[in-house]
């Protein structure tokens, strides 16, 4: 199975940006709007705030 995460906020040593990514066979890679995989799960990250993000923010303030 492949997981596609739409609107993911990706941070690297070159900065942060929003993109769509796919995770398959323990590998993560960027994808474009035309990327399709049968039997994939799509997650819209623009509506998700995880506990780890909130915990990280709270520990710094």
PDB file of N, CA and C in Angstrom:
ATOM      1  N   UNK A   1       0.834  -1.181   0.000  1.00  0.00           N
ATOM      2  CA  UNK A   1       0.000   0.000   0.000  1.00  0.00           C
ATOM      3  C   UNK A   1       0.880   1.247   0.000  1.00  0.00           C
ATOM      4  N   UNK A   2       0.373   2.291  -0.579  1.00  0.00           N
ATOM      5  CA  UNK A   2       1.062   3.567  -0.650  1.00  0.00           C
ATOM      6  C   UNK A   2       0.219   4.611   0.082  1.00  0.00           C
ATOM      7  N   UNK A   3       0.879   5.488   0.825  1.00  0.00           N
ATOM      8  CA  UNK A   3       0.198   6.600   1.489  1.00  0.00           C
ATOM      9  C   UNK A   3       0.635   7.881   0.795  1.00  0.00           C
ATOM     10  N   UNK A   4      -0.339   8.677   0.359  1.00  0.00           N
ATOM     11  CA  UNK A   4      -0.059   9.959  -0.266  1.00  0.00           C
ATOM     12  C   UNK A   4      -0.495  11.050   0.703  1.00  0.00           C
ATOM     13  N   UNK A   5       0.415  11.944   1.028  1.00  0.00           N
ATOM     14  CA  UNK A   5       0.110  13.048   1.942  1.00  0.00           C
ATOM     15  C   UNK A   5       0.096  14.328   1.126  1.00  0.00           C
ATOM     16  N   UNK A   6      -1.080  14.926   1.032  1.00  0.00           N
ATOM     17  CA  UNK A   6      -1.261  16.166   0.282  1.00  0.00           C
ATOM     18  C   UNK A   6      -0.974  17.353   1.192  1.00  0.00           C
ATOM     19  N   UNK A   7      -0.380  18.401   0.651  1.00  0.00           N
ATOM     20  CA  UNK A   7      -0.126  19.652   1.375  1.00  0.00           C
ATOM     21  C   UNK A   7       0.768  19.470   2.603  1.00  0.00           C
ATOM     22  N   UNK A   8       1.735  18.573   2.495  1.00  0.00           N
ATOM     23  CA  UNK A   8       2.658  18.332   3.604  1.00  0.00           C
ATOM     24  C   UNK A   8       3.636  19.486   3.732  1.00  0.00           C
ATOM     25  N   UNK A   9       3.963  19.861   4.942  1.00  0.00           N
ATOM     26  CA  UNK A   9       4.979  20.886   5.185  1.00  0.00           C
ATOM     27  C   UNK A   9       6.301  20.158   5.382  1.00  0.00           C
ATOM     28  N   UNK A  10       7.193  20.299   4.423  1.00  0.00           N
ATOM     29  CA  UNK A  10       8.476  19.611   4.436  1.00  0.00           C
ATOM     30  C   UNK A  10       9.566  20.603   4.819  1.00  0.00           C
ATOM     31  N   UNK A  11      10.411  20.215   5.764  1.00  0.00           N
ATOM     32  CA  UNK A  11      11.513  21.072   6.191  1.00  0.00           C
ATOM     33  C   UNK A  11      12.831  20.350   5.948  1.00  0.00           C
ATOM     34  N   UNK A  12      13.740  21.032   5.252  1.00  0.00           N
ATOM     35  CA  UNK A  12      15.079  20.493   5.002  1.00  0.00           C
ATOM     36  C   UNK A  12      16.098  21.549   5.425  1.00  0.00           C
ATOM     37  N   UNK A  13      17.358  21.262   5.200  1.00  0.00           N
ATOM     38  CA  UNK A  13      18.389  22.246   5.531  1.00  0.00           C
ATOM     39  C   UNK A  13      18.344  23.452   4.588  1.00  0.00           C
ATOM     40  N   UNK A  14      17.530  23.381   3.530  1.00  0.00           N
ATOM     41  CA  UNK A  14      17.369  24.501   2.596  1.00  0.00           C
ATOM     42  C   UNK A  14      16.110  25.318   2.865  1.00  0.00           C
ATOM     43  N   UNK A  15      15.322  24.917   3.856  1.00  0.00           N
ATOM     44  CA  UNK A  15      14.110  25.665   4.177  1.00  0.00           C
ATOM     45  C   UNK A  15      12.878  24.790   4.234  1.00  0.00           C
ATOM     46  N   UNK A  16      11.708  25.428   4.331  1.00  0.00           N
ATOM     47  CA  UNK A  16      10.433  24.722   4.415  1.00  0.00           C
ATOM     48  C   UNK A  16       9.582  25.044   3.198  1.00  0.00           C
ATOM     49  N   UNK A  17       8.798  24.073   2.792  1.00  0.00           N
ATOM     50  CA  UNK A  17       7.882  24.269   1.673  1.00  0.00           C
ATOM     51  C   UNK A  17       6.748  23.251   1.759  1.00  0.00           C
ATOM     52  N   UNK A  18       5.644  23.548   1.069  1.00  0.00           N
ATOM     53  CA  UNK A  18       4.504  22.627   1.014  1.00  0.00           C
ATOM     54  C   UNK A  18       4.580  21.840  -0.276  1.00  0.00           C
ATOM     55  N   UNK A  19       4.309  20.549  -0.164  1.00  0.00           N
ATOM     56  CA  UNK A  19       4.324  19.677  -1.328  1.00  0.00           C
ATOM     57  C   UNK A  19       3.496  18.434  -1.028  1.00  0.00           C
ATOM     58  N   UNK A  20       3.256  17.637  -2.046  1.00  0.00           N
ATOM     59  CA  UNK A  20       2.624  16.343  -1.870  1.00  0.00           C
ATOM     60  C   UNK A  20       3.725  15.305  -1.837  1.00  0.00           C
ATOM     61  N   UNK A  21       3.615  14.356  -0.917  1.00  0.00           N
ATOM     62  CA  UNK A  21       4.622  13.296  -0.815  1.00  0.00           C
ATOM     63  C   UNK A  21       3.930  11.942  -0.783  1.00  0.00           C
ATOM     64  N   UNK A  22       4.672  10.929  -1.151  1.00  0.00           N
ATOM     65  CA  UNK A  22       4.188   9.553  -1.090  1.00  0.00           C
ATOM     66  C   UNK A  22       5.136   8.749  -0.216  1.00  0.00           C
ATOM     67  N   UNK A  23       4.568   7.791   0.484  1.00  0.00           N
ATOM     68  CA  UNK A  23       5.362   6.878   1.307  1.00  0.00           C
ATOM     69  C   UNK A  23       5.001   5.463   0.865  1.00  0.00           C
ATOM     70  N   UNK A  24       6.001   4.742   0.410  1.00  0.00           N
ATOM     71  CA  UNK A  24       5.795   3.365  -0.036  1.00  0.00           C
ATOM     72  C   UNK A  24       7.057   2.569   0.243  1.00  0.00           C
ATOM     73  N   UNK A  25       6.887   1.389   0.795  1.00  0.00           N
ATOM     74  CA  UNK A  25       8.011   0.509   1.114  1.00  0.00           C
ATOM     75  C   UNK A  25       9.071   1.219   1.955  1.00  0.00           C
ATOM     76  N   UNK A  26       8.616   1.979   2.953  1.00  0.00           N
ATOM     77  CA  UNK A  26       9.485   2.713   3.876  1.00  0.00           C
ATOM     78  C   UNK A  26      10.337   3.784   3.198  1.00  0.00           C
ATOM     79  N   UNK A  27       9.921   4.249   2.038  1.00  0.00           N
ATOM     80  CA  UNK A  27      10.601   5.342   1.340  1.00  0.00           C
ATOM     81  C   UNK A  27       9.626   6.488   1.131  1.00  0.00           C
ATOM     82  N   UNK A  28      10.128   7.691   1.263  1.00  0.00           N
ATOM     83  CA  UNK A  28       9.325   8.903   1.117  1.00  0.00           C
ATOM     84  C   UNK A  28       9.858   9.677  -0.079  1.00  0.00           C
ATOM     85  N   UNK A  29       8.958  10.127  -0.964  1.00  0.00           N
ATOM     86  CA  UNK A  29       9.405  10.876  -2.130  1.00  0.00           C
ATOM     87  C   UNK A  29       8.341  11.873  -2.567  1.00  0.00           C
ATOM     88  N   UNK A  30       8.754  12.991  -3.204  1.00  0.00           N
ATOM     89  CA  UNK A  30       7.786  13.996  -3.660  1.00  0.00           C
ATOM     90  C   UNK A  30       7.020  13.487  -4.877  1.00  0.00           C
ATOM     91  N   UNK A  31       5.773  13.925  -5.000  1.00  0.00           N
ATOM     92  CA  UNK A  31       4.949  13.540  -6.150  1.00  0.00           C
ATOM     93  C   UNK A  31       4.248  14.771  -6.699  1.00  0.00           C
ATOM     94  N   UNK A  32       3.777  14.675  -7.934  1.00  0.00           N
ATOM     95  CA  UNK A  32       3.030  15.782  -8.525  1.00  0.00           C
ATOM     96  C   UNK A  32       1.532  15.460  -8.513  1.00  0.00           C
ATOM     97  N   UNK A  33       0.715  16.359  -9.049  1.00  0.00           N
ATOM     98  CA  UNK A  33      -0.740  16.196  -9.022  1.00  0.00           C
ATOM     99  C   UNK A  33      -1.231  15.009  -9.839  1.00  0.00           C
ATOM    100  N   UNK A  34      -0.415  14.495 -10.727  1.00  0.00           N
ATOM    101  CA  UNK A  34      -0.834  13.415 -11.610  1.00  0.00           C
ATOM    102  C   UNK A  34      -0.423  12.039 -11.091  1.00  0.00           C
ATOM    103  N   UNK A  35       0.174  12.001  -9.912  1.00  0.00           N
ATOM    104  CA  UNK A  35       0.632  10.740  -9.330  1.00  0.00           C
ATOM    105  C   UNK A  35      -0.570   9.957  -8.817  1.00  0.00           C
ATOM    106  N   UNK A  36      -0.723   8.724  -9.267  1.00  0.00           N
ATOM    107  CA  UNK A  36      -1.821   7.872  -8.818  1.00  0.00           C
ATOM    108  C   UNK A  36      -1.294   6.476  -8.548  1.00  0.00           C
ATOM    109  N   UNK A  37      -1.796   5.880  -7.491  1.00  0.00           N
ATOM    110  CA  UNK A  37      -1.440   4.509  -7.154  1.00  0.00           C
ATOM    111  C   UNK A  37      -2.728   3.802  -6.757  1.00  0.00           C
ATOM    112  N   UNK A  38      -2.949   2.634  -7.319  1.00  0.00           N
ATOM    113  CA  UNK A  38      -4.099   1.842  -6.897  1.00  0.00           C
ATOM    114  C   UNK A  38      -3.912   1.420  -5.450  1.00  0.00           C
ATOM    115  N   UNK A  39      -5.004   1.396  -4.711  1.00  0.00           N
ATOM    116  CA  UNK A  39      -4.987   0.969  -3.316  1.00  0.00           C
ATOM    117  C   UNK A  39      -4.123   1.897  -2.451  1.00  0.00           C
ATOM    118  N   UNK A  40      -4.211   3.196  -2.689  1.00  0.00           N
ATOM    119  CA  UNK A  40      -3.458   4.136  -1.866  1.00  0.00           C
ATOM    120  C   UNK A  40      -4.396   4.866  -0.920  1.00  0.00           C
ATOM    121  N   UNK A  41      -3.852   5.308   0.180  1.00  0.00           N
ATOM    122  CA  UNK A  41      -4.596   6.106   1.147  1.00  0.00           C
ATOM    123  C   UNK A  41      -4.112   7.542   1.010  1.00  0.00           C
ATOM    124  N   UNK A  42      -5.049   8.492   0.896  1.00  0.00           N
ATOM    125  CA  UNK A  42      -4.699   9.899   0.738  1.00  0.00           C
ATOM    126  C   UNK A  42      -5.032  10.640   2.029  1.00  0.00           C
ATOM    127  N   UNK A  43      -4.066  11.396   2.539  1.00  0.00           N
ATOM    128  CA  UNK A  43      -4.236  12.188   3.757  1.00  0.00           C
ATOM    129  C   UNK A  43      -4.007  13.649   3.397  1.00  0.00           C
ATOM    130  N   UNK A  44      -4.927  14.526   3.803  1.00  0.00           N
ATOM    131  CA  UNK A  44      -4.764  15.957   3.588  1.00  0.00           C
ATOM    132  C   UNK A  44      -4.113  16.548   4.829  1.00  0.00           C
ATOM    133  N   UNK A  45      -2.835  16.871   4.738  1.00  0.00           N
ATOM    134  CA  UNK A  45      -2.081  17.350   5.896  1.00  0.00           C
ATOM    135  C   UNK A  45      -2.396  18.792   6.256  1.00  0.00           C
ATOM    136  N   UNK A  46      -3.061  19.528   5.391  1.00  0.00           N
ATOM    137  CA  UNK A  46      -3.346  20.930   5.693  1.00  0.00           C
ATOM    138  C   UNK A  46      -4.342  21.084   6.835  1.00  0.00           C
ATOM    139  N   UNK A  47      -5.036  20.009   7.180  1.00  0.00           N
ATOM    140  CA  UNK A  47      -6.025  20.081   8.261  1.00  0.00           C
ATOM    141  C   UNK A  47      -5.572  19.335   9.511  1.00  0.00           C
ATOM    142  N   UNK A  48      -4.317  18.924   9.553  1.00  0.00           N
ATOM    143  CA  UNK A  48      -3.831  18.095  10.669  1.00  0.00           C
ATOM    144  C   UNK A  48      -2.804  18.851  11.497  1.00  0.00           C
ATOM    145  N   UNK A  49      -2.996  18.849  12.796  1.00  0.00           N
ATOM    146  CA  UNK A  49      -1.981  19.307  13.742  1.00  0.00           C
ATOM    147  C   UNK A  49      -1.771  18.147  14.708  1.00  0.00           C
ATOM    148  N   UNK A  50      -0.576  17.619  14.739  1.00  0.00           N
ATOM    149  CA  UNK A  50      -0.329  16.448  15.572  1.00  0.00           C
ATOM    150  C   UNK A  50       0.111  16.854  16.974  1.00  0.00           C
ATOM    151  N   UNK A  51      -0.031  15.923  17.885  1.00  0.00           N
ATOM    152  CA  UNK A  51       0.415  16.150  19.260  1.00  0.00           C
ATOM    153  C   UNK A  51       1.899  16.449  19.319  1.00  0.00           C
ATOM    154  N   UNK A  52       2.699  15.800  18.470  1.00  0.00           N
ATOM    155  CA  UNK A  52       4.143  16.027  18.521  1.00  0.00           C
ATOM    156  C   UNK A  52       4.479  17.463  18.144  1.00  0.00           C
ATOM    157  N   UNK A  53       3.733  18.055  17.215  1.00  0.00           N
ATOM    158  CA  UNK A  53       3.970  19.452  16.858  1.00  0.00           C
ATOM    159  C   UNK A  53       3.606  20.351  18.029  1.00  0.00           C
ATOM    160  N   UNK A  54       2.452  20.101  18.625  1.00  0.00           N
ATOM    161  CA  UNK A  54       2.030  20.924  19.761  1.00  0.00           C
ATOM    162  C   UNK A  54       2.968  20.772  20.945  1.00  0.00           C
ATOM    163  N   UNK A  55       3.419  19.548  21.224  1.00  0.00           N
ATOM    164  CA  UNK A  55       4.337  19.317  22.346  1.00  0.00           C
ATOM    165  C   UNK A  55       5.668  20.022  22.110  1.00  0.00           C
ATOM    166  N   UNK A  56       6.147  19.984  20.875  1.00  0.00           N
ATOM    167  CA  UNK A  56       7.395  20.668  20.554  1.00  0.00           C
ATOM    168  C   UNK A  56       7.255  22.170  20.742  1.00  0.00           C
ATOM    169  N   UNK A  57       6.147  22.726  20.294  1.00  0.00           N
ATOM    170  CA  UNK A  57       5.914  24.158  20.437  1.00  0.00           C
ATOM    171  C   UNK A  57       5.815  24.532  21.905  1.00  0.00           C
ATOM    172  N   UNK A  58       5.047  23.770  22.676  1.00  0.00           N
ATOM    173  CA  UNK A  58       4.843  24.084  24.089  1.00  0.00           C
ATOM    174  C   UNK A  58       6.117  23.965  24.894  1.00  0.00           C
ATOM    175  N   UNK A  59       7.004  23.057  24.540  1.00  0.00           N
ATOM    176  CA  UNK A  59       8.242  22.884  25.297  1.00  0.00           C
ATOM    177  C   UNK A  59       9.213  24.040  25.073  1.00  0.00           C
ATOM    178  N   UNK A  60       9.034  24.796  24.005  1.00  0.00           N
ATOM    179  CA  UNK A  60       9.918  25.917  23.706  1.00  0.00           C
ATOM    180  C   UNK A  60       9.392  27.223  24.264  1.00  0.00           C
ATOM    181  N   UNK A  61       8.132  27.271  24.706  1.00  0.00           N
ATOM    182  CA  UNK A  61       7.546  28.534  25.151  1.00  0.00           C
ATOM    183  C   UNK A  61       7.095  28.455  26.593  1.00  0.00           C
TER     184      UNK A  61
END
